[in-house]
Amino acid sequence: MRDSSDKRGGPGPESLGAMTLHPLPDSVPMARRWFRKFIAPHNPACSVEDCSLMISELVTNAIVYGRSDDTWVVRVEWFREGTSLRVEVHNPGFPASVRMRRPDANDAHGRGLLLVDSIADSWYSGPSRFGGTVVSFVMADAWPQ
């Protein structure tokens, strides 16, 4: 049985949506569209466009860096935790390989986590409960109390 309370004794996170994507470039715009569509009824006060942008970056990273000898997918989930929105992106890659890069001005890639770090209130990377890696971000005050 799963515990539905968090460590502070309050209610646990409320699942607001999830999607499973194939590790293909077309999945990035699909993730943005689905997130916008399925988060809209929840009327978050945070910027849905900022969240969509961060999801694009994390799904792109998941597709580029996810590794498995078997067929695999990218899983995106979003939750309400009190007044915060938490978005998770899961892939079969290695958690230790997630790192924020400091690209040169002329580098075409390497800014995804920098962007997430600058927009989100917090972010995390580590082992996924599905195996592999999860990278998540939190937008605090996404809903009034």
C-alpha atoms as a PDB file:
ATOM      1  CA  MET A   1       0.000   0.000   0.000  1.00  0.00           C
ATOM      2  CA  ARG A   2       1.313   3.433  -0.907  1.00  0.00           C
ATOM      3  CA  ASP A   3       1.480   6.177   1.723  1.00  0.00           C
ATOM      4  CA  SER A   4      -0.576   9.152   0.563  1.00  0.00           C
ATOM      5  CA  SER A   5       0.981  11.669   2.939  1.00  0.00           C
ATOM      6  CA  ASP A   6       4.207  13.550   2.600  1.00  0.00           C
ATOM      7  CA  LYS A   7       6.968  13.760   5.221  1.00  0.00           C
ATOM      8  CA  ARG A   8       5.318  16.819   6.820  1.00  0.00           C
ATOM      9  CA  GLY A   9       2.122  14.891   7.464  1.00  0.00           C
ATOM     10  CA  GLY A  10       0.046  16.678   4.814  1.00  0.00           C
ATOM     11  CA  PRO A  11      -1.628  15.162   1.785  1.00  0.00           C
ATOM     12  CA  GLY A  12       0.669  13.609  -0.782  1.00  0.00           C
ATOM     13  CA  PRO A  13       1.078  14.872  -4.340  1.00  0.00           C
ATOM     14  CA  GLU A  14      -1.994  14.888  -6.573  1.00  0.00           C
ATOM     15  CA  SER A  15      -1.329  13.445 -10.024  1.00  0.00           C
ATOM     16  CA  LEU A  16      -2.581  15.882 -12.662  1.00  0.00           C
ATOM     17  CA  GLY A  17      -1.416  14.061 -15.777  1.00  0.00           C
ATOM     18  CA  ALA A  18       1.127  11.853 -17.475  1.00  0.00           C
ATOM     19  CA  MET A  19       2.242  10.953 -20.958  1.00  0.00           C
ATOM     20  CA  THR A  20       4.443   8.304 -22.471  1.00  0.00           C
ATOM     21  CA  LEU A  21       6.501   9.316 -25.499  1.00  0.00           C
ATOM     22  CA  HIS A  22       8.674   7.468 -27.976  1.00  0.00           C
ATOM     23  CA  PRO A  23      12.295   8.657 -28.044  1.00  0.00           C
ATOM     24  CA  LEU A  24      11.819  10.547 -31.323  1.00  0.00           C
ATOM     25  CA  PRO A  25      12.235  14.251 -32.157  1.00  0.00           C
ATOM     26  CA  ASP A  26       8.479  14.584 -32.882  1.00  0.00           C
ATOM     27  CA  SER A  27       7.810  13.756 -29.227  1.00  0.00           C
ATOM     28  CA  VAL A  28       9.167  17.148 -28.084  1.00  0.00           C
ATOM     29  CA  PRO A  29       6.402  19.321 -29.629  1.00  0.00           C
ATOM     30  CA  MET A  30       3.880  16.625 -28.734  1.00  0.00           C
ATOM     31  CA  ALA A  31       4.911  16.893 -25.070  1.00  0.00           C
ATOM     32  CA  ARG A  32       4.394  20.663 -25.139  1.00  0.00           C
ATOM     33  CA  ARG A  33       0.932  20.356 -26.735  1.00  0.00           C
ATOM     34  CA  TRP A  34      -0.266  17.602 -24.408  1.00  0.00           C
ATOM     35  CA  PHE A  35       0.985  19.398 -21.303  1.00  0.00           C
ATOM     36  CA  ARG A  36      -0.776  22.648 -22.300  1.00  0.00           C
ATOM     37  CA  LYS A  37      -3.992  20.760 -23.039  1.00  0.00           C
ATOM     38  CA  PHE A  38      -4.074  18.660 -19.867  1.00  0.00           C
ATOM     39  CA  ILE A  39      -2.871  21.338 -17.411  1.00  0.00           C
ATOM     40  CA  ALA A  40      -5.366  23.972 -18.654  1.00  0.00           C
ATOM     41  CA  PRO A  41      -8.385  22.684 -16.649  1.00  0.00           C
ATOM     42  CA  HIS A  42      -6.306  23.018 -13.455  1.00  0.00           C
ATOM     43  CA  ASN A  43      -5.765  26.773 -14.035  1.00  0.00           C
ATOM     44  CA  PRO A  44      -2.228  27.125 -12.687  1.00  0.00           C
ATOM     45  CA  ALA A  45      -1.080  30.649 -11.831  1.00  0.00           C
ATOM     46  CA  CYS A  46       2.463  29.928 -13.027  1.00  0.00           C
ATOM     47  CA  SER A  47       3.451  30.395 -16.657  1.00  0.00           C
ATOM     48  CA  VAL A  48       2.302  27.388 -18.677  1.00  0.00           C
ATOM     49  CA  GLU A  49       4.592  28.589 -21.477  1.00  0.00           C
ATOM     50  CA  ASP A  50       7.623  28.530 -19.159  1.00  0.00           C
ATOM     51  CA  CYS A  51       6.667  25.014 -18.039  1.00  0.00           C
ATOM     52  CA  SER A  52       6.223  23.920 -21.671  1.00  0.00           C
ATOM     53  CA  LEU A  53       9.654  25.295 -22.522  1.00  0.00           C
ATOM     54  CA  MET A  54      11.279  23.432 -19.631  1.00  0.00           C
ATOM     55  CA  ILE A  55       9.437  20.225 -20.581  1.00  0.00           C
ATOM     56  CA  SER A  56      10.789  20.641 -24.135  1.00  0.00           C
ATOM     57  CA  GLU A  57      14.322  20.902 -22.823  1.00  0.00           C
ATOM     58  CA  LEU A  58      13.994  17.929 -20.471  1.00  0.00           C
ATOM     59  CA  VAL A  59      12.267  15.693 -23.041  1.00  0.00           C
ATOM     60  CA  THR A  60      14.964  16.597 -25.572  1.00  0.00           C
ATOM     61  CA  ASN A  61      17.647  15.655 -23.036  1.00  0.00           C
ATOM     62  CA  ALA A  62      15.810  12.435 -22.185  1.00  0.00           C
ATOM     63  CA  ILE A  63      15.692  11.472 -25.864  1.00  0.00           C
ATOM     64  CA  VAL A  64      19.326  12.405 -26.521  1.00  0.00           C
ATOM     65  CA  TYR A  65      20.815  10.852 -23.373  1.00  0.00           C
ATOM     66  CA  GLY A  66      18.417   7.978 -22.611  1.00  0.00           C
ATOM     67  CA  ARG A  67      20.027   4.609 -23.230  1.00  0.00           C
ATOM     68  CA  SER A  68      18.695   1.066 -23.245  1.00  0.00           C
ATOM     69  CA  ASP A  69      19.326  -2.125 -25.176  1.00  0.00           C
ATOM     70  CA  ASP A  70      15.549  -2.704 -25.163  1.00  0.00           C
ATOM     71  CA  THR A  71      12.722  -0.642 -26.592  1.00  0.00           C
ATOM     72  CA  TRP A  72      12.198   2.327 -24.271  1.00  0.00           C
ATOM     73  CA  VAL A  73      10.032   5.388 -23.688  1.00  0.00           C
ATOM     74  CA  VAL A  74      10.194   8.802 -22.049  1.00  0.00           C
ATOM     75  CA  ARG A  75       7.592   9.331 -19.346  1.00  0.00           C
ATOM     76  CA  VAL A  76       6.419  12.817 -18.310  1.00  0.00           C
ATOM     77  CA  GLU A  77       4.267  13.282 -15.208  1.00  0.00           C
ATOM     78  CA  TRP A  78       2.997  16.357 -13.408  1.00  0.00           C
ATOM     79  CA  PHE A  79       1.709  16.752  -9.886  1.00  0.00           C
ATOM     80  CA  ARG A  80       0.165  19.312  -7.584  1.00  0.00           C
ATOM     81  CA  GLU A  81       1.946  19.422  -4.233  1.00  0.00           C
ATOM     82  CA  GLY A  82       0.100  21.936  -2.068  1.00  0.00           C
ATOM     83  CA  THR A  83       0.504  25.183  -3.985  1.00  0.00           C
ATOM     84  CA  SER A  84       3.382  23.898  -6.172  1.00  0.00           C
ATOM     85  CA  LEU A  85       3.518  22.200  -9.562  1.00  0.00           C
ATOM     86  CA  ARG A  86       6.129  19.446  -9.956  1.00  0.00           C
ATOM     87  CA  VAL A  87       6.953  18.010 -13.386  1.00  0.00           C
ATOM     88  CA  GLU A  88       9.039  14.848 -13.788  1.00  0.00           C
ATOM     89  CA  VAL A  89      10.700  13.485 -16.939  1.00  0.00           C
ATOM     90  CA  HIS A  90      11.872   9.853 -16.769  1.00  0.00           C
ATOM     91  CA  ASN A  91      14.212   7.987 -19.153  1.00  0.00           C
ATOM     92  CA  PRO A  92      16.395   4.859 -18.995  1.00  0.00           C
ATOM     93  CA  GLY A  93      19.669   6.821 -18.871  1.00  0.00           C
ATOM     94  CA  PHE A  94      22.185   6.879 -16.035  1.00  0.00           C
ATOM     95  CA  PRO A  95      21.407   9.353 -13.217  1.00  0.00           C
ATOM     96  CA  ALA A  96      25.098  10.168 -12.732  1.00  0.00           C
ATOM     97  CA  SER A  97      25.318  11.499 -16.305  1.00  0.00           C
ATOM     98  CA  VAL A  98      22.924  14.404 -15.629  1.00  0.00           C
ATOM     99  CA  ARG A  99      24.909  17.579 -15.182  1.00  0.00           C
ATOM    100  CA  MET A 100      24.542  21.253 -15.873  1.00  0.00           C
ATOM    101  CA  ARG A 101      26.910  22.369 -18.582  1.00  0.00           C
ATOM    102  CA  ARG A 102      28.491  25.775 -19.094  1.00  0.00           C
ATOM    103  CA  PRO A 103      28.533  26.042 -22.897  1.00  0.00           C
ATOM    104  CA  ASP A 104      30.544  28.647 -24.745  1.00  0.00           C
ATOM    105  CA  ALA A 105      28.617  31.406 -26.487  1.00  0.00           C
ATOM    106  CA  ASN A 106      29.088  29.672 -29.864  1.00  0.00           C
ATOM    107  CA  ASP A 107      27.934  26.222 -28.669  1.00  0.00           C
ATOM    108  CA  ALA A 108      24.629  25.211 -30.247  1.00  0.00           C
ATOM    109  CA  HIS A 109      23.691  22.829 -27.403  1.00  0.00           C
ATOM    110  CA  GLY A 110      24.064  22.419 -23.661  1.00  0.00           C
ATOM    111  CA  ARG A 111      21.725  25.057 -22.245  1.00  0.00           C
ATOM    112  CA  GLY A 112      18.714  22.929 -21.239  1.00  0.00           C
ATOM    113  CA  LEU A 113      19.461  22.550 -17.539  1.00  0.00           C
ATOM    114  CA  LEU A 114      20.738  26.136 -17.337  1.00  0.00           C
ATOM    115  CA  LEU A 115      17.374  27.251 -18.657  1.00  0.00           C
ATOM    116  CA  VAL A 116      15.495  25.034 -16.171  1.00  0.00           C
ATOM    117  CA  ASP A 117      17.725  26.319 -13.365  1.00  0.00           C
ATOM    118  CA  SER A 118      16.961  29.931 -14.283  1.00  0.00           C
ATOM    119  CA  ILE A 119      13.151  29.532 -14.610  1.00  0.00           C
ATOM    120  CA  ALA A 120      12.113  26.871 -12.069  1.00  0.00           C
ATOM    121  CA  ASP A 121      12.041  27.496  -8.336  1.00  0.00           C
ATOM    122  CA  SER A 122      13.993  24.243  -7.931  1.00  0.00           C
ATOM    123  CA  TRP A 123      15.005  21.174  -9.908  1.00  0.00           C
ATOM    124  CA  TYR A 124      16.292  17.698  -9.139  1.00  0.00           C
ATOM    125  CA  SER A 125      17.928  14.766 -10.901  1.00  0.00           C
ATOM    126  CA  GLY A 126      18.434  11.250  -9.642  1.00  0.00           C
ATOM    127  CA  PRO A 127      17.277   7.656  -9.940  1.00  0.00           C
ATOM    128  CA  SER A 128      13.785   7.163 -11.386  1.00  0.00           C
ATOM    129  CA  ARG A 129      11.268   4.908  -9.658  1.00  0.00           C
ATOM    130  CA  PHE A 130      10.854   3.306 -13.115  1.00  0.00           C
ATOM    131  CA  GLY A 131      14.581   2.604 -13.384  1.00  0.00           C
ATOM    132  CA  GLY A 132      16.986   4.957 -15.105  1.00  0.00           C
ATOM    133  CA  THR A 133      16.850   8.693 -14.491  1.00  0.00           C
ATOM    134  CA  VAL A 134      14.336  11.328 -13.478  1.00  0.00           C
ATOM    135  CA  VAL A 135      14.843  15.064 -13.885  1.00  0.00           C
ATOM    136  CA  SER A 136      12.137  17.203 -12.327  1.00  0.00           C
ATOM    137  CA  PHE A 137      11.361  20.844 -11.709  1.00  0.00           C
ATOM    138  CA  VAL A 138       9.075  22.675  -9.310  1.00  0.00           C
ATOM    139  CA  MET A 139       7.121  25.869  -9.842  1.00  0.00           C
ATOM    140  CA  ALA A 140       6.203  27.187  -6.398  1.00  0.00           C
ATOM    141  CA  ASP A 141       2.975  29.123  -5.898  1.00  0.00           C
ATOM    142  CA  ALA A 142       1.389  27.576  -8.990  1.00  0.00           C
ATOM    143  CA  TRP A 143      -1.969  27.757  -7.189  1.00  0.00           C
ATOM    144  CA  PRO A 144      -3.246  30.010  -4.411  1.00  0.00           C
ATOM    145  CA  GLN A 145      -3.576  28.448  -0.977  1.00  0.00           C
END
